[in-house]
Amino acid sequence: MLLTVVIFLCCSAEPPCISGPRVGQRPGPYSFVLATGTERGKSHCYICETGDRPMVIVFARSLSDPLGRLVRKLDEAVTTHSRAQLRSWVTLLAEEESKLNKAILAWERKLGLKQVPIGVFEDLAGPPSYRLHADADVTVLLAVKQKVVANFAFRAGEMTEAQIEAILATLPKILPAAKSPATTKDK
């Protein structure tokens, strides 16, 4: 009986969700409608604008509390690493941008975001070249010099605080190495 339960639990665990461009691949350009900021209502391509600079791209299918905690921390990281020109943005995948406008604005205000824009890509599948998994509620890509360095994907309800910290712990992989201050010798 116990063996049957153990086998069932081992076999029923879902494999990790894999979504989006793999490590080493180039994140392709895509435009989406900005729902926040001064460019609200306009179509924009942050990939095109960011170029070789470090970037954190977040794709999401829902506005969840764990996503909010991640985005708030990314907003802080963009400020902290402004000299490295770190960029981050959230792309919500939805049928129609206008149906989410009020919810997005309320969510942005609740989180107190200053640096991370939020927009909507009007297709639940996401940009075709990204091949986002249909089960992925959140896909996070860290890239620099037009190459993905890390890829994280989570089904609805899977993203935990530990996983958020793992994403943030990966930031040094895309940021320039910190230079140690020059030492001066006392004379």
N, C-alpha and C. Protein backbone atom coordinates (compact mmCIF):
# COMPACT_ATOMS: atom_id res chain seq x y z
N MET A 1 0.83 -1.20 0.00
CA MET A 1 0.00 0.00 0.00
C MET A 1 0.87 1.26 0.00
N LEU A 2 1.85 1.33 0.91
CA LEU A 2 2.73 2.48 0.99
C LEU A 2 3.52 2.65 -0.31
N LEU A 3 3.98 1.54 -0.88
CA LEU A 3 4.71 1.58 -2.14
C LEU A 3 3.85 2.16 -3.25
N THR A 4 2.57 1.82 -3.27
CA THR A 4 1.64 2.33 -4.27
C THR A 4 1.50 3.85 -4.14
N VAL A 5 1.40 4.36 -2.91
CA VAL A 5 1.27 5.79 -2.67
C VAL A 5 2.54 6.51 -3.12
N VAL A 6 3.72 5.98 -2.80
CA VAL A 6 4.98 6.59 -3.18
C VAL A 6 5.11 6.63 -4.70
N ILE A 7 4.78 5.54 -5.37
CA ILE A 7 4.84 5.50 -6.83
C ILE A 7 3.88 6.51 -7.43
N PHE A 8 2.68 6.61 -6.90
CA PHE A 8 1.69 7.56 -7.39
C PHE A 8 2.20 8.99 -7.25
N LEU A 9 2.76 9.33 -6.06
CA LEU A 9 3.26 10.68 -5.83
C LEU A 9 4.44 11.01 -6.75
N CYS A 10 5.32 10.06 -6.96
CA CYS A 10 6.47 10.29 -7.84
C CYS A 10 6.04 10.49 -9.28
N CYS A 11 5.08 9.71 -9.70
CA CYS A 11 4.65 9.76 -11.10
C CYS A 11 3.69 10.92 -11.38
N SER A 12 3.02 11.44 -10.35
CA SER A 12 2.04 12.49 -10.58
C SER A 12 2.64 13.89 -10.55
N ALA A 13 3.88 14.02 -10.07
CA ALA A 13 4.52 15.34 -10.04
C ALA A 13 4.76 15.83 -11.47
N GLU A 14 4.37 17.08 -11.72
CA GLU A 14 4.53 17.63 -13.05
C GLU A 14 5.99 18.02 -13.27
N PRO A 15 6.48 17.81 -14.48
CA PRO A 15 7.84 18.26 -14.77
C PRO A 15 7.87 19.79 -14.77
N PRO A 16 9.06 20.38 -14.65
CA PRO A 16 9.13 21.84 -14.66
C PRO A 16 8.56 22.40 -15.96
N CYS A 17 7.96 23.56 -15.86
CA CYS A 17 7.41 24.23 -17.03
C CYS A 17 8.57 24.88 -17.79
N ILE A 18 8.63 24.65 -19.08
CA ILE A 18 9.66 25.23 -19.93
C ILE A 18 8.95 26.14 -20.93
N SER A 19 9.35 27.41 -20.96
CA SER A 19 8.63 28.40 -21.76
C SER A 19 9.58 29.46 -22.29
N GLY A 20 9.42 29.82 -23.53
CA GLY A 20 10.19 30.92 -24.10
C GLY A 20 11.54 30.53 -24.62
N PRO A 21 12.28 31.53 -25.11
CA PRO A 21 13.62 31.27 -25.65
C PRO A 21 14.53 30.64 -24.61
N ARG A 22 15.36 29.71 -25.05
CA ARG A 22 16.29 29.02 -24.16
C ARG A 22 17.55 29.85 -23.95
N VAL A 23 18.32 29.48 -22.95
CA VAL A 23 19.59 30.14 -22.66
C VAL A 23 20.45 30.11 -23.93
N GLY A 24 21.03 31.26 -24.27
CA GLY A 24 21.87 31.39 -25.45
C GLY A 24 21.13 31.88 -26.68
N GLN A 25 19.79 31.79 -26.66
CA GLN A 25 19.02 32.27 -27.79
C GLN A 25 18.77 33.77 -27.67
N ARG A 26 18.43 34.36 -28.79
CA ARG A 26 18.16 35.80 -28.84
C ARG A 26 16.67 36.06 -28.60
N PRO A 27 16.34 36.98 -27.68
CA PRO A 27 14.94 37.36 -27.53
C PRO A 27 14.54 38.26 -28.71
N GLY A 28 13.57 37.83 -29.47
CA GLY A 28 13.17 38.58 -30.66
C GLY A 28 12.40 39.84 -30.34
N PRO A 29 12.40 40.79 -31.26
CA PRO A 29 11.64 42.02 -31.05
C PRO A 29 10.14 41.76 -31.11
N TYR A 30 9.40 42.48 -30.32
CA TYR A 30 7.94 42.44 -30.36
C TYR A 30 7.42 43.75 -29.80
N SER A 31 6.28 44.16 -30.27
CA SER A 31 5.64 45.38 -29.76
C SER A 31 4.41 45.00 -28.96
N PHE A 32 4.11 45.82 -27.97
CA PHE A 32 2.90 45.63 -27.18
C PHE A 32 2.38 46.99 -26.77
N VAL A 33 1.12 47.03 -26.36
CA VAL A 33 0.47 48.30 -26.01
C VAL A 33 0.75 48.61 -24.54
N LEU A 34 1.38 49.76 -24.29
CA LEU A 34 1.69 50.16 -22.93
C LEU A 34 0.40 50.54 -22.19
N ALA A 35 0.29 50.03 -20.98
CA ALA A 35 -0.88 50.32 -20.15
C ALA A 35 -0.54 51.28 -19.03
N THR A 36 0.76 51.57 -18.85
CA THR A 36 1.20 52.47 -17.78
C THR A 36 2.21 53.47 -18.34
N GLY A 37 2.48 54.50 -17.57
CA GLY A 37 3.52 55.46 -17.93
C GLY A 37 3.05 56.54 -18.89
N THR A 38 3.99 57.37 -19.28
CA THR A 38 3.67 58.52 -20.13
C THR A 38 3.32 58.10 -21.56
N GLU A 39 3.74 56.93 -21.96
CA GLU A 39 3.46 56.43 -23.32
C GLU A 39 2.22 55.53 -23.35
N ARG A 40 1.42 55.58 -22.30
CA ARG A 40 0.23 54.75 -22.16
C ARG A 40 -0.64 54.81 -23.41
N GLY A 41 -1.05 53.62 -23.90
CA GLY A 41 -1.91 53.55 -25.07
C GLY A 41 -1.15 53.41 -26.38
N LYS A 42 0.17 53.56 -26.31
CA LYS A 42 0.98 53.45 -27.53
C LYS A 42 1.66 52.09 -27.61
N SER A 43 1.93 51.66 -28.82
CA SER A 43 2.65 50.41 -29.06
C SER A 43 4.14 50.69 -28.95
N HIS A 44 4.86 49.76 -28.30
CA HIS A 44 6.29 49.98 -28.07
C HIS A 44 7.05 48.66 -28.11
N CYS A 45 8.33 48.71 -28.53
CA CYS A 45 9.22 47.54 -28.53
C CYS A 45 10.40 47.84 -27.62
N TYR A 46 10.37 47.30 -26.40
CA TYR A 46 11.48 47.50 -25.47
C TYR A 46 12.71 46.70 -25.88
N ILE A 47 12.53 45.57 -26.54
CA ILE A 47 13.68 44.80 -27.01
C ILE A 47 14.49 45.68 -27.97
N CYS A 48 13.81 46.34 -28.89
CA CYS A 48 14.47 47.21 -29.87
C CYS A 48 15.22 48.33 -29.17
N GLU A 49 14.60 48.93 -28.17
CA GLU A 49 15.17 50.06 -27.45
C GLU A 49 16.33 49.64 -26.55
N THR A 50 16.26 48.47 -25.98
CA THR A 50 17.24 48.04 -24.99
C THR A 50 18.56 47.59 -25.61
N GLY A 51 18.52 46.98 -26.78
CA GLY A 51 19.74 46.57 -27.46
C GLY A 51 20.56 45.59 -26.65
N ASP A 52 21.82 45.92 -26.38
CA ASP A 52 22.75 45.03 -25.68
C ASP A 52 22.70 45.17 -24.15
N ARG A 53 21.95 46.13 -23.65
CA ARG A 53 21.89 46.37 -22.21
C ARG A 53 21.21 45.21 -21.49
N PRO A 54 21.46 45.07 -20.18
CA PRO A 54 20.82 44.01 -19.41
C PRO A 54 19.31 44.23 -19.30
N MET A 55 18.55 43.14 -19.42
CA MET A 55 17.09 43.26 -19.37
C MET A 55 16.46 42.07 -18.67
N VAL A 56 15.34 42.34 -18.02
CA VAL A 56 14.51 41.29 -17.43
C VAL A 56 13.13 41.45 -18.05
N ILE A 57 12.74 40.45 -18.83
CA ILE A 57 11.45 40.46 -19.52
C ILE A 57 10.52 39.53 -18.75
N VAL A 58 9.36 40.03 -18.40
CA VAL A 58 8.37 39.22 -17.69
C VAL A 58 7.12 39.11 -18.54
N PHE A 59 6.73 37.87 -18.85
CA PHE A 59 5.46 37.60 -19.51
C PHE A 59 4.53 37.02 -18.47
N ALA A 60 3.28 37.46 -18.43
CA ALA A 60 2.32 36.94 -17.45
C ALA A 60 0.93 36.85 -18.05
N ARG A 61 0.18 35.89 -17.56
CA ARG A 61 -1.20 35.73 -18.01
C ARG A 61 -2.20 36.19 -16.95
N SER A 62 -1.71 36.52 -15.75
CA SER A 62 -2.59 37.03 -14.70
C SER A 62 -1.80 37.92 -13.76
N LEU A 63 -2.52 38.78 -13.05
CA LEU A 63 -1.92 39.69 -12.08
C LEU A 63 -2.03 39.06 -10.69
N SER A 64 -1.04 38.30 -10.30
CA SER A 64 -1.08 37.58 -9.02
C SER A 64 -0.24 38.29 -7.97
N ASP A 65 -0.43 37.93 -6.71
CA ASP A 65 0.38 38.50 -5.64
C ASP A 65 1.85 38.13 -5.78
N PRO A 66 2.20 36.85 -6.08
CA PRO A 66 3.62 36.55 -6.27
C PRO A 66 4.23 37.35 -7.42
N LEU A 67 3.51 37.52 -8.51
CA LEU A 67 4.01 38.33 -9.61
C LEU A 67 4.24 39.76 -9.13
N GLY A 68 3.33 40.29 -8.34
CA GLY A 68 3.48 41.63 -7.79
C GLY A 68 4.73 41.77 -6.94
N ARG A 69 5.02 40.75 -6.11
CA ARG A 69 6.23 40.80 -5.29
C ARG A 69 7.48 40.79 -6.17
N LEU A 70 7.48 39.96 -7.22
CA LEU A 70 8.61 39.92 -8.14
C LEU A 70 8.79 41.28 -8.83
N VAL A 71 7.72 41.82 -9.36
CA VAL A 71 7.80 43.07 -10.12
C VAL A 71 8.24 44.22 -9.22
N ARG A 72 7.76 44.25 -8.00
CA ARG A 72 8.18 45.30 -7.05
C ARG A 72 9.69 45.21 -6.82
N LYS A 73 10.20 44.00 -6.67
CA LYS A 73 11.65 43.82 -6.46
C LYS A 73 12.44 44.16 -7.73
N LEU A 74 11.89 43.87 -8.88
CA LEU A 74 12.54 44.25 -10.13
C LEU A 74 12.56 45.77 -10.28
N ASP A 75 11.49 46.43 -9.85
CA ASP A 75 11.41 47.88 -9.89
C ASP A 75 12.54 48.48 -9.04
N GLU A 76 12.78 47.91 -7.87
CA GLU A 76 13.87 48.36 -7.00
C GLU A 76 15.22 48.08 -7.67
N ALA A 77 15.36 46.91 -8.29
CA ALA A 77 16.63 46.53 -8.94
C ALA A 77 16.96 47.48 -10.09
N VAL A 78 15.95 47.90 -10.85
CA VAL A 78 16.19 48.83 -11.95
C VAL A 78 16.75 50.15 -11.41
N THR A 79 16.23 50.60 -10.30
CA THR A 79 16.74 51.82 -9.66
C THR A 79 18.16 51.60 -9.13
N THR A 80 18.35 50.50 -8.41
CA THR A 80 19.66 50.19 -7.83
C THR A 80 20.74 50.06 -8.89
N HIS A 81 20.40 49.47 -10.02
CA HIS A 81 21.37 49.21 -11.08
C HIS A 81 21.21 50.16 -12.27
N SER A 82 20.84 51.39 -11.97
CA SER A 82 20.63 52.36 -13.05
C SER A 82 21.93 52.65 -13.81
N ARG A 83 23.07 52.61 -13.15
CA ARG A 83 24.35 52.85 -13.84
C ARG A 83 24.63 51.75 -14.87
N ALA A 84 24.14 50.54 -14.61
CA ALA A 84 24.31 49.43 -15.56
C ALA A 84 23.24 49.47 -16.64
N GLN A 85 22.32 50.42 -16.52
CA GLN A 85 21.21 50.59 -17.45
C GLN A 85 20.31 49.35 -17.53
N LEU A 86 20.09 48.71 -16.37
CA LEU A 86 19.19 47.56 -16.30
C LEU A 86 17.78 48.00 -16.69
N ARG A 87 17.14 47.21 -17.53
CA ARG A 87 15.77 47.46 -17.98
C ARG A 87 14.90 46.27 -17.57
N SER A 88 13.65 46.54 -17.30
CA SER A 88 12.69 45.48 -17.03
C SER A 88 11.31 45.98 -17.41
N TRP A 89 10.47 45.06 -17.85
CA TRP A 89 9.09 45.40 -18.18
C TRP A 89 8.24 44.14 -18.06
N VAL A 90 6.93 44.36 -17.92
CA VAL A 90 5.97 43.26 -17.81
C VAL A 90 5.06 43.29 -19.03
N THR A 91 4.94 42.14 -19.69
CA THR A 91 4.05 41.99 -20.83
C THR A 91 2.94 41.03 -20.43
N LEU A 92 1.74 41.56 -20.28
CA LEU A 92 0.59 40.71 -19.99
C LEU A 92 0.05 40.17 -21.30
N LEU A 93 -0.31 38.91 -21.30
CA LEU A 93 -0.87 38.27 -22.48
C LEU A 93 -2.38 38.21 -22.31
N ALA A 94 -3.10 38.84 -23.21
CA ALA A 94 -4.56 38.92 -23.08
C ALA A 94 -5.19 39.09 -24.46
N GLU A 95 -6.47 38.85 -24.52
CA GLU A 95 -7.21 39.01 -25.77
C GLU A 95 -7.31 40.47 -26.19
N GLU A 96 -7.57 41.34 -25.17
CA GLU A 96 -7.81 42.75 -25.49
C GLU A 96 -7.27 43.65 -24.38
N GLU A 97 -6.40 44.56 -24.74
CA GLU A 97 -5.75 45.46 -23.79
C GLU A 97 -6.76 46.31 -23.02
N SER A 98 -7.76 46.83 -23.70
CA SER A 98 -8.70 47.76 -23.06
C SER A 98 -9.47 47.14 -21.89
N LYS A 99 -9.66 45.83 -21.92
CA LYS A 99 -10.38 45.16 -20.83
C LYS A 99 -9.56 45.07 -19.55
N LEU A 100 -8.24 45.23 -19.66
CA LEU A 100 -7.36 45.12 -18.49
C LEU A 100 -6.89 46.46 -17.94
N ASN A 101 -7.15 47.54 -18.66
CA ASN A 101 -6.61 48.85 -18.29
C ASN A 101 -6.81 49.23 -16.83
N LYS A 102 -8.03 49.18 -16.35
CA LYS A 102 -8.31 49.59 -14.97
C LYS A 102 -7.60 48.69 -13.97
N ALA A 103 -7.62 47.38 -14.22
CA ALA A 103 -6.96 46.43 -13.31
C ALA A 103 -5.45 46.66 -13.27
N ILE A 104 -4.85 46.91 -14.43
CA ILE A 104 -3.40 47.14 -14.49
C ILE A 104 -3.04 48.42 -13.75
N LEU A 105 -3.77 49.49 -13.99
CA LEU A 105 -3.47 50.76 -13.31
C LEU A 105 -3.62 50.63 -11.80
N ALA A 106 -4.64 49.94 -11.34
CA ALA A 106 -4.83 49.73 -9.90
C ALA A 106 -3.69 48.89 -9.32
N TRP A 107 -3.29 47.87 -10.05
CA TRP A 107 -2.20 46.98 -9.62
C TRP A 107 -0.89 47.76 -9.55
N GLU A 108 -0.62 48.59 -10.56
CA GLU A 108 0.60 49.40 -10.57
C GLU A 108 0.62 50.35 -9.37
N ARG A 109 -0.50 51.00 -9.09
CA ARG A 109 -0.58 51.92 -7.95
C ARG A 109 -0.37 51.18 -6.64
N LYS A 110 -1.01 50.02 -6.52
CA LYS A 110 -0.90 49.21 -5.30
C LYS A 110 0.56 48.83 -5.05
N LEU A 111 1.29 48.49 -6.11
CA LEU A 111 2.69 48.09 -5.98
C LEU A 111 3.64 49.28 -5.85
N GLY A 112 3.18 50.46 -6.25
CA GLY A 112 4.03 51.65 -6.18
C GLY A 112 5.17 51.62 -7.18
N LEU A 113 4.91 51.09 -8.36
CA LEU A 113 5.96 50.96 -9.38
C LEU A 113 6.36 52.32 -9.94
N LYS A 114 7.67 52.47 -10.16
CA LYS A 114 8.20 53.71 -10.71
C LYS A 114 8.99 53.46 -12.00
N GLN A 115 9.63 52.30 -12.12
CA GLN A 115 10.56 52.05 -13.21
C GLN A 115 10.12 50.97 -14.20
N VAL A 116 9.26 50.06 -13.78
CA VAL A 116 8.90 48.91 -14.62
C VAL A 116 7.55 49.17 -15.30
N PRO A 117 7.58 49.39 -16.61
CA PRO A 117 6.31 49.59 -17.33
C PRO A 117 5.57 48.26 -17.51
N ILE A 118 4.27 48.38 -17.67
CA ILE A 118 3.41 47.22 -17.90
C ILE A 118 2.62 47.47 -19.17
N GLY A 119 2.54 46.45 -20.00
CA GLY A 119 1.78 46.56 -21.23
C GLY A 119 1.09 45.25 -21.55
N VAL A 120 0.33 45.26 -22.63
CA VAL A 120 -0.45 44.09 -23.02
C VAL A 120 -0.11 43.70 -24.45
N PHE A 121 0.20 42.42 -24.62
CA PHE A 121 0.35 41.83 -25.95
C PHE A 121 -0.98 41.16 -26.23
N GLU A 122 -1.67 41.59 -27.27
CA GLU A 122 -3.03 41.14 -27.51
C GLU A 122 -3.08 39.79 -28.23
N ASP A 123 -2.59 38.78 -27.54
CA ASP A 123 -2.66 37.39 -28.00
C ASP A 123 -2.26 36.52 -26.82
N LEU A 124 -3.12 35.62 -26.40
CA LEU A 124 -2.84 34.79 -25.24
C LEU A 124 -1.61 33.91 -25.42
N ALA A 125 -1.23 33.63 -26.66
CA ALA A 125 -0.06 32.78 -26.92
C ALA A 125 1.24 33.57 -26.80
N GLY A 126 1.18 34.90 -26.84
CA GLY A 126 2.37 35.71 -26.77
C GLY A 126 3.01 35.89 -28.14
N PRO A 127 4.12 36.62 -28.19
CA PRO A 127 4.80 36.81 -29.47
C PRO A 127 5.19 35.46 -30.07
N PRO A 128 4.87 35.21 -31.33
CA PRO A 128 5.10 33.89 -31.93
C PRO A 128 6.54 33.37 -31.80
N SER A 129 7.54 34.22 -31.96
CA SER A 129 8.92 33.75 -31.91
C SER A 129 9.35 33.32 -30.50
N TYR A 130 8.57 33.68 -29.48
CA TYR A 130 8.92 33.33 -28.10
C TYR A 130 8.49 31.93 -27.70
N ARG A 131 7.49 31.41 -28.37
CA ARG A 131 7.00 30.05 -28.08
C ARG A 131 6.78 29.83 -26.57
N LEU A 132 5.96 30.70 -26.00
CA LEU A 132 5.64 30.60 -24.59
C LEU A 132 4.72 29.41 -24.37
N HIS A 133 5.00 28.64 -23.34
CA HIS A 133 4.20 27.45 -23.06
C HIS A 133 2.79 27.87 -22.63
N ALA A 134 1.80 27.18 -23.12
CA ALA A 134 0.40 27.51 -22.81
C ALA A 134 0.10 27.40 -21.32
N ASP A 135 0.83 26.55 -20.59
CA ASP A 135 0.60 26.38 -19.16
C ASP A 135 1.37 27.39 -18.31
N ALA A 136 2.28 28.14 -18.91
CA ALA A 136 3.10 29.08 -18.14
C ALA A 136 2.29 30.32 -17.82
N ASP A 137 2.04 30.53 -16.53
CA ASP A 137 1.36 31.74 -16.09
C ASP A 137 2.35 32.90 -16.06
N VAL A 138 3.60 32.60 -15.71
CA VAL A 138 4.67 33.61 -15.67
C VAL A 138 5.92 33.03 -16.31
N THR A 139 6.51 33.77 -17.23
CA THR A 139 7.81 33.43 -17.82
C THR A 139 8.72 34.64 -17.62
N VAL A 140 9.90 34.40 -17.06
CA VAL A 140 10.86 35.47 -16.79
C VAL A 140 12.14 35.16 -17.55
N LEU A 141 12.57 36.12 -18.36
CA LEU A 141 13.79 35.96 -19.14
C LEU A 141 14.79 37.04 -18.73
N LEU A 142 16.00 36.64 -18.40
CA LEU A 142 17.07 37.57 -18.13
C LEU A 142 18.02 37.49 -19.31
N ALA A 143 18.35 38.65 -19.89
CA ALA A 143 19.18 38.67 -21.08
C ALA A 143 20.12 39.86 -21.06
N VAL A 144 21.22 39.71 -21.78
CA VAL A 144 22.17 40.80 -21.97
C VAL A 144 22.88 40.54 -23.30
N LYS A 145 23.27 41.60 -23.98
CA LYS A 145 23.92 41.50 -25.29
C LYS A 145 23.11 40.61 -26.24
N GLN A 146 21.80 40.77 -26.14
CA GLN A 146 20.84 40.11 -27.02
C GLN A 146 20.89 38.58 -26.92
N LYS A 147 21.23 38.07 -25.74
CA LYS A 147 21.23 36.63 -25.50
C LYS A 147 20.55 36.35 -24.16
N VAL A 148 19.69 35.34 -24.13
CA VAL A 148 19.05 34.92 -22.89
C VAL A 148 20.11 34.24 -22.03
N VAL A 149 20.20 34.68 -20.78
CA VAL A 149 21.17 34.13 -19.82
C VAL A 149 20.47 33.21 -18.84
N ALA A 150 19.19 33.48 -18.55
CA ALA A 150 18.42 32.64 -17.63
C ALA A 150 16.95 32.70 -18.03
N ASN A 151 16.26 31.59 -17.78
CA ASN A 151 14.85 31.46 -18.15
C ASN A 151 14.13 30.77 -17.00
N PHE A 152 13.08 31.38 -16.50
CA PHE A 152 12.27 30.81 -15.42
C PHE A 152 10.82 30.79 -15.90
N ALA A 153 10.11 29.70 -15.63
CA ALA A 153 8.70 29.63 -16.01
C ALA A 153 7.91 28.93 -14.91
N PHE A 154 6.70 29.43 -14.67
CA PHE A 154 5.87 28.92 -13.58
C PHE A 154 4.42 28.78 -14.04
N ARG A 155 3.81 27.67 -13.68
CA ARG A 155 2.37 27.52 -13.89
C ARG A 155 1.66 28.36 -12.83
N ALA A 156 0.38 28.57 -12.99
CA ALA A 156 -0.40 29.34 -12.02
C ALA A 156 -0.23 28.73 -10.63
N GLY A 157 0.11 29.57 -9.66
CA GLY A 157 0.25 29.14 -8.28
C GLY A 157 1.60 28.52 -7.93
N GLU A 158 2.51 28.39 -8.88
CA GLU A 158 3.80 27.75 -8.62
C GLU A 158 4.89 28.69 -8.11
N MET A 159 4.81 29.98 -8.43
CA MET A 159 5.90 30.89 -8.06
C MET A 159 5.87 31.18 -6.56
N THR A 160 6.97 30.84 -5.90
CA THR A 160 7.10 31.04 -4.46
C THR A 160 8.11 32.15 -4.17
N GLU A 161 8.20 32.51 -2.91
CA GLU A 161 9.17 33.52 -2.48
C GLU A 161 10.60 33.05 -2.78
N ALA A 162 10.87 31.76 -2.57
CA ALA A 162 12.21 31.22 -2.85
C ALA A 162 12.54 31.32 -4.34
N GLN A 163 11.55 31.11 -5.19
CA GLN A 163 11.78 31.21 -6.62
C GLN A 163 11.99 32.66 -7.05
N ILE A 164 11.28 33.58 -6.41
CA ILE A 164 11.49 35.00 -6.68
C ILE A 164 12.93 35.37 -6.31
N GLU A 165 13.39 34.90 -5.17
CA GLU A 165 14.77 35.18 -4.74
C GLU A 165 15.77 34.55 -5.69
N ALA A 166 15.46 33.36 -6.24
CA ALA A 166 16.35 32.71 -7.21
C ALA A 166 16.47 33.55 -8.48
N ILE A 167 15.36 34.13 -8.90
CA ILE A 167 15.39 35.01 -10.09
C ILE A 167 16.28 36.21 -9.80
N LEU A 168 16.09 36.85 -8.65
CA LEU A 168 16.88 38.04 -8.30
C LEU A 168 18.35 37.68 -8.11
N ALA A 169 18.62 36.49 -7.61
CA ALA A 169 20.01 36.05 -7.42
C ALA A 169 20.73 35.85 -8.75
N THR A 170 19.98 35.75 -9.83
CA THR A 170 20.55 35.57 -11.17
C THR A 170 20.93 36.90 -11.81
N LEU A 171 20.45 38.02 -11.27
CA LEU A 171 20.75 39.34 -11.84
C LEU A 171 22.24 39.58 -12.08
N PRO A 172 23.15 39.20 -11.18
CA PRO A 172 24.57 39.45 -11.44
C PRO A 172 25.09 38.83 -12.75
N LYS A 173 24.42 37.81 -13.25
CA LYS A 173 24.84 37.20 -14.52
C LYS A 173 24.66 38.14 -15.71
N ILE A 174 23.76 39.12 -15.57
CA ILE A 174 23.53 40.04 -16.70
C ILE A 174 24.08 41.44 -16.44
N LEU A 175 24.52 41.68 -15.23
CA LEU A 175 25.05 43.00 -14.88
C LEU A 175 26.57 43.03 -15.02
N PRO A 176 27.13 44.18 -15.38
CA PRO A 176 28.58 44.25 -15.46
C PRO A 176 29.20 43.99 -14.09
N ALA A 177 30.36 43.38 -14.08
CA ALA A 177 31.04 43.09 -12.82
C ALA A 177 31.37 44.40 -12.11
N ALA A 178 31.10 44.40 -10.82
CA ALA A 178 31.38 45.61 -10.03
C ALA A 178 32.89 45.76 -9.91
N LYS A 179 33.35 46.97 -10.12
CA LYS A 179 34.78 47.24 -9.99
C LYS A 179 35.07 47.56 -8.54
N SER A 180 36.12 46.95 -8.02
CA SER A 180 36.48 47.24 -6.64
C SER A 180 37.14 48.61 -6.59
N PRO A 181 36.89 49.35 -5.52
CA PRO A 181 37.47 50.70 -5.43
C PRO A 181 38.99 50.61 -5.38
N ALA A 182 39.64 51.58 -5.99
CA ALA A 182 41.09 51.61 -5.98
C ALA A 182 41.58 51.80 -4.56
N THR A 183 42.58 51.06 -4.19
CA THR A 183 43.13 51.22 -2.85
C THR A 183 44.25 52.24 -2.90
N THR A 184 44.30 53.02 -1.90
CA THR A 184 45.37 54.03 -1.81
C THR A 184 46.26 53.65 -0.64
N LYS A 185 47.53 53.83 -0.84
CA LYS A 185 48.49 53.52 0.22
C LYS A 185 48.77 54.78 1.01
N ASP A 186 48.79 54.61 2.30
CA ASP A 186 49.14 55.75 3.17
C ASP A 186 50.63 56.03 3.04
N LYS A 187 50.97 57.27 2.99
CA LYS A 187 52.39 57.65 2.88
C LYS A 187 52.90 58.12 4.20
